[in-house]
Amino acid sequence: MTEKILILDFGSQYTMLIGRRVRELNVYCEIVPYDKAHYDASVRGVIFSGSPSSVRSEGAPQADLEAIPAGIPVLGICYGAQWLAWKAGGSVEQSDGREYGRASLSVEDASDPLMKGVKASSLAWMSHGDTITRLPEGFHSIASTPSVSNAAFRVDGKPVWGIQFHAEVHHTEEGRRVLENFVRGICGCKGEWTPANFIEATVKSLRETLGNDNVVLGLSGGVDSSVAALLLHEAIGPRLHCIFVDSGLLRKDEFDSVLASYMGMGLNVRGVLAADRFLGDLAGVTEPEAKRKIVGRDFVEVFNAEAEKIENVRWLAQGTIYPDVIESSAVPGASATIKSHHNVGGLPKDMKLKVVEPLRLLFKDEVRRVGKALGLAPEILGRHPFPGPGLSIRVLGEVTPEKVAILQEADAVFIDALHREGLYDKVWQAGAILLPIKSVGVMGDERTYENCVALRAVTSVDGMTADWARLPYDFLASVSDAIIRKVKGVNRVVYDICSKPPATIEWE
């Protein structure tokens, strides 16, 4: 990597969004815990994220400023800005009222490079309980709001800036320009992080790393594993051995249809029937995290067993992407792991194969752009994300073959209707969830006591945040009616109208 921006994560809910915004400028960036930063020759700038902590609190997270090479530009956002001011002797105090939401930002120094081309007045997004009440000596304000006198500042004679608003949030009207001024203007990044360059660099790296070894890759039918397969196929050709496992937890008829599409792509792929094993190991298990670990373990063990049939297999390839990596690692004292991903959290320590993850640096929207550049079929490229543990985490509570069959039928009705009504591509992810409850109903002249299904559909860009999809009432009514008529064992359908946060996209 010839150039990159390093983002030091202090635990903000917006840290991932900072990374995405930088990547949208075609500049590579890495997000690292604030106490794990490493500065190599490719680092062109450093961004300090926000944090739920207060700089005034004992044990507040602190970066090692002395470790940052001289002359490397620094931009502190929210907590990052407050910490820079506090560290230099400024005053940071609790706000009279929590400063949250839109605020009118006024530029005070239009000649400053961070404010180049920024409108004199615009809306910016605030989210902090503390505020900088006095800048240190040698600092000067370059922007303000009616309630925040030091909304942005510059350190005299040094490439150090701070902003107390969130430039990464789309509510901040001039946020992209501010970040572009820092990344492209101040840091001098050329913006060479493109799908074509990523493919070229990744294929070269894979060839060097893998040598003449064979690689086994578990395909899921989703975008991530499919793009990973095409990258590896580009690098090593038939030495990539793809395995598509029927865990019994896929959508209805998905195993046969997806296997056929992979063969049509020219991939070296074999199908493995393992539903009895997965469902057997899940019997009696109700805790969501335990389900994820069991499914992850079984996948790896199936891969090991299949790999033993192929000579010179040394590597297990996975479609792990950047949000999987970040969400599965906590910032000490600041943020907490929400859940483990089976790609990164369920691998056994005694696994026989080394792991290669060609998409580990990419966000979901970047994966799609790379897939398009590689010529991935549109029907796979546009496929909704599907959880690695499959339907095991959409059957709430204990997983049984009977429950999976009910869910597959209900899910098929929902997804088929989305396609038929032209709504599938307007939704980022959708699926049905089988709830661990039964309810009373009336069918004909008889009383029923059967299962309840929840429908979930969200709009999003990369899954880090999501809003519930406002599907038409008439559409939901027809889907509900179809599920109850066609799926034996279901007499009630509900629709999930929670966003992420506070909820997650999946229920488990």
Protein backbone atom coordinates (compact mmCIF):
# COMPACT_ATOMS: atom_id res chain seq x y z
CA MET A 1 0.00 0.00 0.00
CA THR A 2 1.60 3.27 -1.13
CA GLU A 3 -0.62 5.62 0.90
CA LYS A 4 -3.11 5.29 3.71
CA ILE A 5 -4.91 7.20 6.42
CA LEU A 6 -4.75 5.70 9.90
CA ILE A 7 -7.92 6.06 11.99
CA LEU A 8 -7.41 5.66 15.72
CA ASP A 9 -10.57 4.27 17.26
CA PHE A 10 -11.48 5.61 20.69
CA GLY A 11 -14.77 3.69 20.69
CA SER A 12 -17.15 5.97 18.78
CA GLN A 13 -20.26 4.54 17.14
CA TYR A 14 -19.24 6.57 14.08
CA THR A 15 -15.67 5.28 13.68
CA MET A 16 -16.60 2.81 10.98
CA LEU A 17 -18.39 5.60 9.14
CA ILE A 18 -15.22 7.70 9.13
CA GLY A 19 -13.47 4.82 7.40
CA ARG A 20 -16.19 4.47 4.80
CA ARG A 21 -16.13 8.18 4.02
CA VAL A 22 -12.36 8.11 3.51
CA ARG A 23 -12.67 5.06 1.24
CA GLU A 24 -15.34 6.90 -0.78
CA LEU A 25 -12.61 9.41 -1.61
CA ASN A 26 -10.67 6.49 -3.17
CA VAL A 27 -8.14 6.63 -0.36
CA TYR A 28 -7.23 3.53 1.62
CA CYS A 29 -7.55 3.71 5.41
CA GLU A 30 -7.19 1.38 8.36
CA ILE A 31 -9.08 1.50 11.65
CA VAL A 32 -7.01 0.46 14.66
CA PRO A 33 -7.54 0.67 18.43
CA TYR A 34 -6.07 3.93 19.77
CA ASP A 35 -3.38 2.03 21.70
CA LYS A 36 -2.38 -0.29 18.83
CA ALA A 37 -1.28 2.22 16.18
CA HIS A 38 1.73 1.44 14.00
CA TYR A 39 3.13 4.10 11.69
CA ASP A 40 4.88 2.86 8.59
CA ALA A 41 6.08 4.80 5.55
CA SER A 42 2.66 4.59 3.86
CA VAL A 43 0.83 6.62 6.53
CA ARG A 44 -0.09 10.02 5.11
CA GLY A 45 -2.37 11.23 7.89
CA VAL A 46 -4.01 10.28 11.19
CA ILE A 47 -7.62 10.76 12.30
CA PHE A 48 -8.67 10.50 15.95
CA SER A 49 -12.25 9.26 16.31
CA GLY A 50 -14.89 10.25 18.82
CA SER A 51 -15.57 8.29 22.00
CA PRO A 52 -18.28 7.67 24.61
CA SER A 53 -15.65 8.65 27.21
CA SER A 54 -14.91 12.09 28.60
CA VAL A 55 -11.36 13.47 28.49
CA ARG A 56 -11.97 14.57 32.08
CA SER A 57 -12.56 11.02 33.30
CA GLU A 58 -9.90 8.94 35.00
CA GLY A 59 -8.65 6.31 32.59
CA ALA A 60 -9.90 8.14 29.51
CA PRO A 61 -8.34 6.68 26.33
CA GLN A 62 -5.19 8.49 25.18
CA ALA A 63 -3.12 8.16 22.04
CA ASP A 64 0.67 8.34 21.99
CA LEU A 65 1.28 11.65 20.20
CA GLU A 66 5.04 11.19 20.37
CA ALA A 67 4.77 8.07 18.23
CA ILE A 68 3.27 9.96 15.29
CA PRO A 69 6.08 10.83 12.85
CA ALA A 70 6.87 14.53 12.58
CA GLY A 71 4.96 16.32 9.85
CA ILE A 72 2.16 13.75 9.58
CA PRO A 73 -1.18 15.67 9.59
CA VAL A 74 -3.62 14.92 12.42
CA LEU A 75 -7.38 15.52 12.54
CA GLY A 76 -9.28 15.01 15.79
CA ILE A 77 -13.03 14.48 15.57
CA CYS A 78 -15.27 15.20 18.59
CA TYR A 79 -13.51 13.40 21.50
CA GLY A 80 -10.35 13.37 19.38
CA ALA A 81 -10.49 17.16 19.10
CA GLN A 82 -11.26 17.59 22.79
CA TRP A 83 -8.38 15.34 23.76
CA LEU A 84 -5.92 17.30 21.57
CA ALA A 85 -7.02 20.55 23.26
CA TRP A 86 -7.00 19.01 26.75
CA LYS A 87 -3.57 17.45 26.26
CA ALA A 88 -2.12 20.84 25.26
CA GLY A 89 -3.53 22.61 28.32
CA GLY A 90 -6.93 23.79 27.09
CA SER A 91 -10.18 23.55 29.02
CA VAL A 92 -12.83 20.93 28.30
CA GLU A 93 -15.96 21.12 30.41
CA GLN A 94 -19.34 19.48 30.55
CA SER A 95 -21.84 21.23 28.31
CA ASP A 96 -24.79 23.01 29.92
CA GLY A 97 -26.99 20.76 27.83
CA ARG A 98 -25.97 17.76 25.73
CA GLU A 99 -25.05 19.08 22.27
CA TYR A 100 -26.74 16.60 19.98
CA GLY A 101 -28.23 16.94 16.51
CA ARG A 102 -28.02 19.58 13.81
CA ALA A 103 -26.27 22.89 14.43
CA SER A 104 -25.48 25.88 12.23
CA LEU A 105 -21.75 25.87 11.45
CA SER A 106 -20.07 29.19 10.64
CA VAL A 107 -16.62 29.33 9.06
CA GLU A 108 -14.37 31.88 10.79
CA ASP A 109 -11.17 31.34 8.80
CA ALA A 110 -11.96 30.58 5.16
CA SER A 111 -8.25 30.67 4.31
CA ASP A 112 -7.52 27.60 6.41
CA PRO A 113 -6.92 24.52 4.20
CA LEU A 114 -9.42 22.44 6.20
CA MET A 115 -12.15 24.96 5.39
CA LYS A 116 -11.24 25.41 1.71
CA GLY A 117 -14.43 25.69 -0.34
CA VAL A 118 -16.65 25.11 2.70
CA LYS A 119 -19.78 27.25 2.72
CA ALA A 120 -19.71 30.19 5.12
CA SER A 121 -22.76 28.75 6.86
CA SER A 122 -24.04 25.17 6.78
CA LEU A 123 -25.60 22.48 8.97
CA ALA A 124 -23.35 20.14 10.96
CA TRP A 125 -24.10 17.19 13.23
CA MET A 126 -23.13 17.42 16.91
CA SER A 127 -23.02 14.55 19.40
CA HIS A 128 -21.12 15.29 22.59
CA GLY A 129 -21.63 15.99 26.28
CA ASP A 130 -18.36 17.92 26.75
CA THR A 131 -17.16 20.99 24.92
CA ILE A 132 -13.88 22.90 24.52
CA THR A 133 -14.39 26.10 26.50
CA ARG A 134 -10.84 27.45 26.12
CA LEU A 135 -8.28 26.64 23.44
CA PRO A 136 -4.63 26.20 24.49
CA GLU A 137 -2.02 28.78 23.61
CA GLY A 138 -1.00 28.40 19.96
CA PHE A 139 -4.45 27.10 18.91
CA HIS A 140 -6.99 29.23 17.05
CA SER A 141 -10.64 28.71 16.15
CA ILE A 142 -11.56 28.30 12.48
CA ALA A 143 -15.31 27.54 12.83
CA SER A 144 -18.07 27.87 15.40
CA THR A 145 -21.77 27.29 16.06
CA PRO A 146 -24.15 29.39 18.19
CA SER A 147 -23.47 27.13 21.21
CA VAL A 148 -19.95 25.85 20.42
CA SER A 149 -17.38 28.62 20.07
CA ASN A 150 -14.59 26.21 19.11
CA ALA A 151 -16.36 23.92 16.67
CA ALA A 152 -13.12 23.62 14.67
CA PHE A 153 -9.53 24.68 15.39
CA ARG A 154 -6.01 24.65 14.00
CA VAL A 155 -2.69 24.44 15.84
CA ASP A 156 -0.45 27.32 14.75
CA GLY A 157 2.49 26.20 12.64
CA LYS A 158 1.58 22.50 12.85
CA PRO A 159 -0.54 20.22 10.63
CA VAL A 160 -2.97 19.51 13.48
CA TRP A 161 -6.71 20.21 13.36
CA GLY A 162 -9.73 19.41 15.48
CA ILE A 163 -13.47 19.50 14.83
CA GLN A 164 -16.20 18.99 17.43
CA PHE A 165 -18.81 18.14 14.79
CA HIS A 166 -19.07 14.82 12.97
CA ALA A 167 -17.94 15.39 9.38
CA GLU A 168 -18.51 11.71 8.59
CA VAL A 169 -22.29 11.84 9.20
CA HIS A 170 -24.41 12.62 6.14
CA HIS A 171 -26.39 15.22 8.15
CA THR A 172 -23.25 17.40 8.07
CA GLU A 173 -23.75 19.20 4.78
CA GLU A 174 -20.10 20.07 4.17
CA GLY A 175 -18.69 16.97 5.86
CA ARG A 176 -17.42 15.30 2.70
CA ARG A 177 -15.65 18.51 1.64
CA VAL A 178 -13.98 18.85 5.07
CA LEU A 179 -12.74 15.24 4.97
CA GLU A 180 -11.62 15.62 1.36
CA ASN A 181 -9.73 18.79 2.29
CA PHE A 182 -7.90 16.85 4.98
CA VAL A 183 -7.31 13.57 3.14
CA ARG A 184 -6.66 14.77 -0.41
CA GLY A 185 -5.55 18.38 0.18
CA ILE A 186 -3.65 18.44 3.47
CA CYS A 187 -2.39 14.83 3.50
CA GLY A 188 -1.74 14.82 -0.24
CA CYS A 189 -3.34 11.43 -0.94
CA LYS A 190 -3.75 10.81 -4.67
CA GLY A 191 -6.89 8.69 -4.39
CA GLU A 192 -5.68 5.49 -6.04
CA TRP A 193 -7.83 3.11 -3.97
CA THR A 194 -10.03 1.86 -6.84
CA PRO A 195 -11.52 -1.57 -7.61
CA ALA A 196 -9.09 -2.06 -10.50
CA ASN A 197 -6.05 -1.23 -8.36
CA PHE A 198 -7.34 -3.39 -5.51
CA ILE A 199 -7.79 -6.36 -7.84
CA GLU A 200 -4.33 -5.95 -9.35
CA ALA A 201 -2.61 -5.61 -5.96
CA THR A 202 -4.60 -8.41 -4.33
CA VAL A 203 -4.06 -10.90 -7.14
CA LYS A 204 -0.32 -10.18 -7.06
CA SER A 205 -0.23 -10.58 -3.27
CA LEU A 206 -2.22 -13.83 -3.39
CA ARG A 207 0.16 -15.32 -5.94
CA GLU A 208 3.16 -14.42 -3.78
CA THR A 209 1.56 -15.69 -0.56
CA LEU A 210 0.01 -18.91 -1.82
CA GLY A 211 2.82 -20.04 -4.13
CA ASN A 212 1.98 -23.44 -5.60
CA ASP A 213 -0.30 -24.47 -2.75
CA ASN A 214 -3.90 -25.49 -3.23
CA VAL A 215 -6.60 -23.45 -1.48
CA VAL A 216 -10.01 -24.56 -0.28
CA LEU A 217 -12.81 -21.98 -0.09
CA GLY A 218 -16.23 -22.36 1.43
CA LEU A 219 -18.82 -20.79 -0.86
CA SER A 220 -22.10 -19.59 0.62
CA GLY A 221 -23.96 -18.20 -2.35
CA GLY A 222 -23.47 -14.66 -1.08
CA VAL A 223 -21.56 -11.74 -2.54
CA ASP A 224 -18.55 -11.92 -0.20
CA SER A 225 -17.53 -15.54 -0.75
CA SER A 226 -18.31 -15.26 -4.48
CA VAL A 227 -16.05 -12.24 -4.95
CA ALA A 228 -13.35 -13.91 -2.86
CA ALA A 229 -13.60 -16.95 -5.14
CA LEU A 230 -13.22 -14.87 -8.30
CA LEU A 231 -10.16 -13.08 -6.90
CA LEU A 232 -8.53 -16.37 -5.92
CA HIS A 233 -9.47 -17.95 -9.25
CA GLU A 234 -7.82 -15.00 -11.00
CA ALA A 235 -4.67 -15.57 -8.94
CA ILE A 236 -4.27 -19.36 -8.87
CA GLY A 237 -6.85 -20.79 -11.30
CA PRO A 238 -7.78 -24.47 -10.79
CA ARG A 239 -5.65 -24.70 -7.63
CA LEU A 240 -8.63 -23.07 -5.92
CA HIS A 241 -10.98 -25.81 -4.73
CA CYS A 242 -14.39 -24.41 -3.82
CA ILE A 243 -16.68 -26.29 -1.47
CA PHE A 244 -20.36 -25.45 -1.19
CA VAL A 245 -21.83 -27.04 1.91
CA ASP A 246 -25.48 -27.90 2.36
CA SER A 247 -25.72 -27.24 6.09
CA GLY A 248 -29.47 -27.70 6.07
CA LEU A 249 -29.64 -24.03 7.09
CA LEU A 250 -29.83 -22.47 3.63
CA ARG A 251 -32.91 -20.94 2.01
CA LYS A 252 -35.38 -23.17 0.18
CA ASP A 253 -33.83 -24.90 -2.88
CA GLU A 254 -30.74 -22.67 -2.56
CA PHE A 255 -28.17 -25.45 -2.56
CA ASP A 256 -29.05 -26.78 -6.03
CA SER A 257 -29.58 -23.40 -7.71
CA VAL A 258 -26.44 -21.79 -6.33
CA LEU A 259 -24.26 -24.81 -7.03
CA ALA A 260 -25.37 -24.69 -10.67
CA SER A 261 -24.58 -20.97 -10.94
CA TYR A 262 -21.06 -21.49 -9.55
CA MET A 263 -20.33 -24.21 -12.04
CA GLY A 264 -21.48 -21.84 -14.75
CA MET A 265 -18.84 -19.34 -13.57
CA GLY A 266 -16.08 -21.84 -14.33
CA LEU A 267 -15.13 -22.38 -10.70
CA ASN A 268 -13.70 -25.67 -9.48
CA VAL A 269 -16.53 -26.46 -7.05
CA ARG A 270 -17.97 -29.48 -5.32
CA GLY A 271 -21.14 -29.77 -3.23
CA VAL A 272 -21.15 -31.44 0.18
CA LEU A 273 -24.32 -32.72 1.87
CA ALA A 274 -23.92 -32.16 5.61
CA ALA A 275 -27.37 -31.15 6.88
CA ASP A 276 -27.64 -34.09 9.30
CA ARG A 277 -24.37 -33.13 10.96
CA PHE A 278 -25.18 -29.44 11.44
CA LEU A 279 -28.73 -30.00 12.62
CA GLY A 280 -27.63 -32.81 14.89
CA ASP A 281 -24.98 -30.67 16.56
CA LEU A 282 -27.49 -27.84 17.03
CA ALA A 283 -30.06 -30.09 18.71
CA GLY A 284 -31.03 -28.72 22.11
CA VAL A 285 -28.93 -25.54 21.72
CA THR A 286 -30.81 -22.27 22.27
CA GLU A 287 -28.13 -19.65 23.04
CA PRO A 288 -27.35 -17.55 19.92
CA GLU A 289 -23.61 -17.29 20.47
CA ALA A 290 -23.36 -21.03 20.98
CA LYS A 291 -25.18 -21.60 17.68
CA ARG A 292 -22.68 -19.35 15.86
CA LYS A 293 -19.72 -21.19 17.35
CA ILE A 294 -21.19 -24.62 16.51
CA VAL A 295 -21.91 -23.66 12.90
CA GLY A 296 -18.45 -22.09 12.52
CA ARG A 297 -16.78 -25.17 14.00
CA ASP A 298 -18.74 -27.57 11.81
CA PHE A 299 -17.93 -25.61 8.66
CA VAL A 300 -14.22 -25.73 9.44
CA GLU A 301 -14.32 -29.44 10.27
CA VAL A 302 -16.16 -30.18 7.02
CA PHE A 303 -13.52 -28.17 5.16
CA ASN A 304 -10.74 -30.09 6.89
CA ALA A 305 -12.33 -33.40 5.96
CA GLU A 306 -12.79 -32.35 2.34
CA ALA A 307 -9.31 -30.82 2.17
CA GLU A 308 -7.75 -34.12 3.15
CA LYS A 309 -9.09 -35.53 -0.12
CA ILE A 310 -7.13 -32.92 -2.11
CA GLU A 311 -3.33 -32.98 -2.35
CA ASN A 312 -1.20 -30.05 -1.21
CA VAL A 313 -4.02 -28.06 0.40
CA ARG A 314 -2.52 -25.61 2.89
CA TRP A 315 -5.03 -22.75 2.99
CA LEU A 316 -8.63 -22.10 3.96
CA ALA A 317 -10.01 -19.01 2.19
CA GLN A 318 -12.85 -17.00 3.69
CA GLY A 319 -15.03 -14.10 2.60
CA THR A 320 -14.38 -12.11 5.78
CA ILE A 321 -14.89 -8.38 5.22
CA TYR A 322 -13.78 -5.34 7.21
CA PRO A 323 -16.93 -4.83 9.33
CA ASP A 324 -16.63 -8.49 10.47
CA VAL A 325 -13.12 -7.77 11.70
CA ILE A 326 -13.97 -4.48 13.43
CA GLU A 327 -17.24 -5.62 15.05
CA SER A 328 -15.53 -8.70 16.46
CA SER A 329 -12.72 -6.78 18.20
CA ALA A 330 -13.37 -4.41 21.08
CA VAL A 331 -11.58 -1.15 21.86
CA PRO A 332 -10.26 -1.59 25.43
CA GLY A 333 -12.36 0.36 27.91
CA ALA A 334 -14.44 2.01 25.22
CA SER A 335 -16.60 -0.27 23.08
CA ALA A 336 -17.80 -3.85 23.41
CA THR A 337 -18.17 -6.77 21.04
CA ILE A 338 -21.80 -7.08 19.93
CA LYS A 339 -21.46 -10.64 18.65
CA SER A 340 -18.85 -12.88 17.12
CA HIS A 341 -18.91 -13.52 13.39
CA HIS A 342 -18.43 -17.15 12.50
CA ASN A 343 -15.80 -16.05 9.96
CA VAL A 344 -13.58 -14.51 12.62
CA GLY A 345 -14.85 -15.79 15.96
CA GLY A 346 -15.54 -19.48 15.50
CA LEU A 347 -12.29 -20.95 14.21
CA PRO A 348 -10.76 -23.67 16.39
CA LYS A 349 -7.20 -23.23 17.63
CA ASP A 350 -6.17 -26.62 16.25
CA MET A 351 -7.39 -25.91 12.70
CA LYS A 352 -5.12 -27.68 10.23
CA LEU A 353 -5.26 -25.02 7.51
CA LYS A 354 -3.88 -21.51 7.37
CA VAL A 355 -6.43 -18.77 6.67
CA VAL A 356 -6.39 -16.38 3.71
CA GLU A 357 -8.96 -13.57 3.55
CA PRO A 358 -8.69 -11.56 0.31
CA LEU A 359 -11.59 -9.23 1.22
CA ARG A 360 -10.51 -8.52 4.79
CA LEU A 361 -9.81 -4.84 3.97
CA LEU A 362 -13.12 -4.08 2.22
CA PHE A 363 -16.47 -2.69 3.28
CA LYS A 364 -19.57 -4.35 1.81
CA ASP A 365 -20.17 -1.64 -0.81
CA GLU A 366 -16.52 -1.95 -1.90
CA VAL A 367 -16.94 -5.72 -2.25
CA ARG A 368 -19.81 -5.14 -4.67
CA ARG A 369 -17.75 -2.68 -6.73
CA VAL A 370 -14.88 -5.18 -6.92
CA GLY A 371 -17.32 -7.92 -7.88
CA LYS A 372 -18.74 -5.78 -10.67
CA ALA A 373 -15.21 -5.09 -11.96
CA LEU A 374 -14.53 -8.85 -11.94
CA GLY A 375 -17.67 -9.53 -13.96
CA LEU A 376 -19.67 -11.29 -11.23
CA ALA A 377 -23.13 -12.29 -12.45
CA PRO A 378 -25.76 -9.64 -11.55
CA GLU A 379 -28.03 -12.18 -9.82
CA ILE A 380 -25.24 -12.95 -7.33
CA LEU A 381 -23.86 -9.41 -7.19
CA GLY A 382 -27.25 -8.07 -6.13
CA ARG A 383 -28.03 -10.86 -3.68
CA HIS A 384 -28.96 -9.74 -0.18
CA PRO A 385 -26.51 -10.49 2.64
CA PHE A 386 -27.24 -13.76 4.42
CA PRO A 387 -25.88 -14.65 7.87
CA GLY A 388 -22.97 -17.09 8.02
CA PRO A 389 -24.78 -19.32 10.56
CA GLY A 390 -27.71 -19.40 8.15
CA LEU A 391 -31.21 -20.05 9.38
CA SER A 392 -29.91 -21.32 12.73
CA ILE A 393 -30.07 -17.74 14.02
CA ARG A 394 -33.42 -17.06 12.35
CA VAL A 395 -35.03 -19.95 14.15
CA LEU A 396 -35.15 -18.40 17.59
CA GLY A 397 -34.51 -20.90 20.34
CA GLU A 398 -33.87 -24.56 19.57
CA VAL A 399 -33.24 -25.48 15.94
CA THR A 400 -35.04 -28.56 14.61
CA PRO A 401 -35.50 -29.88 11.06
CA GLU A 402 -39.24 -29.24 11.34
CA LYS A 403 -38.75 -25.59 12.36
CA VAL A 404 -36.19 -25.01 9.60
CA ALA A 405 -38.61 -26.42 7.02
CA ILE A 406 -41.39 -24.08 8.20
CA LEU A 407 -39.04 -21.09 8.07
CA GLN A 408 -37.73 -21.99 4.61
CA GLU A 409 -41.29 -22.04 3.23
CA ALA A 410 -42.26 -18.72 4.86
CA ASP A 411 -39.00 -17.07 3.80
CA ALA A 412 -39.46 -18.24 0.20
CA VAL A 413 -42.92 -16.65 0.05
CA PHE A 414 -41.49 -13.34 1.30
CA ILE A 415 -38.40 -13.24 -0.94
CA ASP A 416 -40.31 -14.38 -4.04
CA ALA A 417 -42.87 -11.62 -3.46
CA LEU A 418 -40.13 -8.99 -3.14
CA HIS A 419 -38.72 -10.09 -6.51
CA ARG A 420 -42.14 -10.25 -8.16
CA GLU A 421 -43.16 -6.76 -7.00
CA GLY A 422 -39.83 -5.14 -7.91
CA LEU A 423 -38.94 -4.44 -4.27
CA TYR A 424 -35.98 -6.80 -3.82
CA ASP A 425 -33.33 -4.37 -5.10
CA LYS A 426 -34.82 -1.53 -3.02
CA VAL A 427 -34.13 -3.47 0.17
CA TRP A 428 -30.63 -4.13 1.51
CA GLN A 429 -31.52 -7.30 3.43
CA ALA A 430 -34.72 -9.21 4.04
CA GLY A 431 -35.79 -12.48 5.56
CA ALA A 432 -38.23 -14.27 7.81
CA ILE A 433 -37.69 -15.20 11.45
CA LEU A 434 -39.48 -18.05 13.22
CA LEU A 435 -40.38 -16.92 16.72
CA PRO A 436 -40.29 -19.31 19.71
CA ILE A 437 -43.95 -18.68 20.51
CA LYS A 438 -47.33 -19.93 19.37
CA SER A 439 -50.54 -17.95 19.15
CA VAL A 440 -54.22 -18.64 18.89
CA GLY A 441 -55.88 -18.27 15.51
CA VAL A 442 -59.02 -19.22 13.64
CA MET A 443 -58.97 -21.03 10.30
CA GLY A 444 -62.35 -21.93 8.89
CA ASP A 445 -64.44 -22.98 11.86
CA GLU A 446 -61.50 -24.33 13.83
CA ARG A 447 -59.32 -22.84 16.53
CA THR A 448 -55.57 -23.07 15.81
CA TYR A 449 -52.54 -22.77 18.04
CA GLU A 450 -49.56 -22.40 15.74
CA ASN A 451 -46.29 -20.58 15.03
CA CYS A 452 -45.65 -16.85 14.57
CA VAL A 453 -43.33 -15.57 11.84
CA ALA A 454 -41.68 -12.13 11.87
CA LEU A 455 -40.68 -10.47 8.61
CA ARG A 456 -37.55 -8.31 8.59
CA ALA A 457 -36.51 -5.92 5.79
CA VAL A 458 -34.02 -3.08 6.13
CA THR A 459 -32.37 -0.39 4.03
CA SER A 460 -28.65 0.21 4.53
CA VAL A 461 -25.31 0.71 2.80
CA ASP A 462 -23.01 -1.67 4.67
CA GLY A 463 -25.04 -3.03 7.58
CA MET A 464 -23.29 -0.94 10.22
CA THR A 465 -26.47 1.10 10.56
CA ALA A 466 -29.85 0.25 9.05
CA ASP A 467 -33.41 1.50 8.91
CA TRP A 468 -36.50 -0.66 8.62
CA ALA A 469 -37.87 -0.72 5.08
CA ARG A 470 -41.17 1.08 4.55
CA LEU A 471 -42.73 -1.67 2.46
CA PRO A 472 -46.26 -0.92 1.16
CA TYR A 473 -49.07 -1.98 3.47
CA ASP A 474 -50.87 -3.81 0.65
CA PHE A 475 -47.69 -5.76 -0.11
CA LEU A 476 -47.24 -6.78 3.53
CA ALA A 477 -50.89 -7.78 3.74
CA SER A 478 -50.60 -10.01 0.67
CA VAL A 479 -47.38 -11.63 1.94
CA SER A 480 -48.93 -12.27 5.35
CA ASP A 481 -51.99 -13.82 3.74
CA ALA A 482 -49.86 -15.99 1.43
CA ILE A 483 -47.66 -17.29 4.26
CA ILE A 484 -50.64 -18.22 6.43
CA ARG A 485 -52.40 -19.94 3.50
CA LYS A 486 -49.37 -21.77 2.10
CA VAL A 487 -47.17 -22.57 5.10
CA LYS A 488 -48.56 -25.27 7.32
CA GLY A 489 -47.91 -24.51 10.99
CA VAL A 490 -48.08 -20.69 10.79
CA ASN A 491 -51.14 -18.66 11.75
CA ARG A 492 -49.66 -15.22 12.51
CA VAL A 493 -47.22 -12.87 10.72
CA VAL A 494 -45.72 -9.66 12.16
CA TYR A 495 -43.37 -7.02 10.70
CA ASP A 496 -40.26 -5.72 12.49
CA ILE A 497 -40.11 -1.90 12.53
CA CYS A 498 -36.90 -1.44 14.57
CA SER A 499 -33.78 0.24 13.16
CA LYS A 500 -30.11 -0.48 13.88
CA PRO A 501 -29.28 0.91 16.37
CA PRO A 502 -30.87 0.24 18.81
CA ALA A 503 -31.76 -3.20 17.39
CA THR A 504 -29.55 -5.37 15.19
CA ILE A 505 -30.56 -6.59 11.74
CA GLU A 506 -30.70 -10.22 12.80
CA TRP A 507 -32.67 -11.17 15.89
CA GLU A 508 -29.92 -13.45 17.23
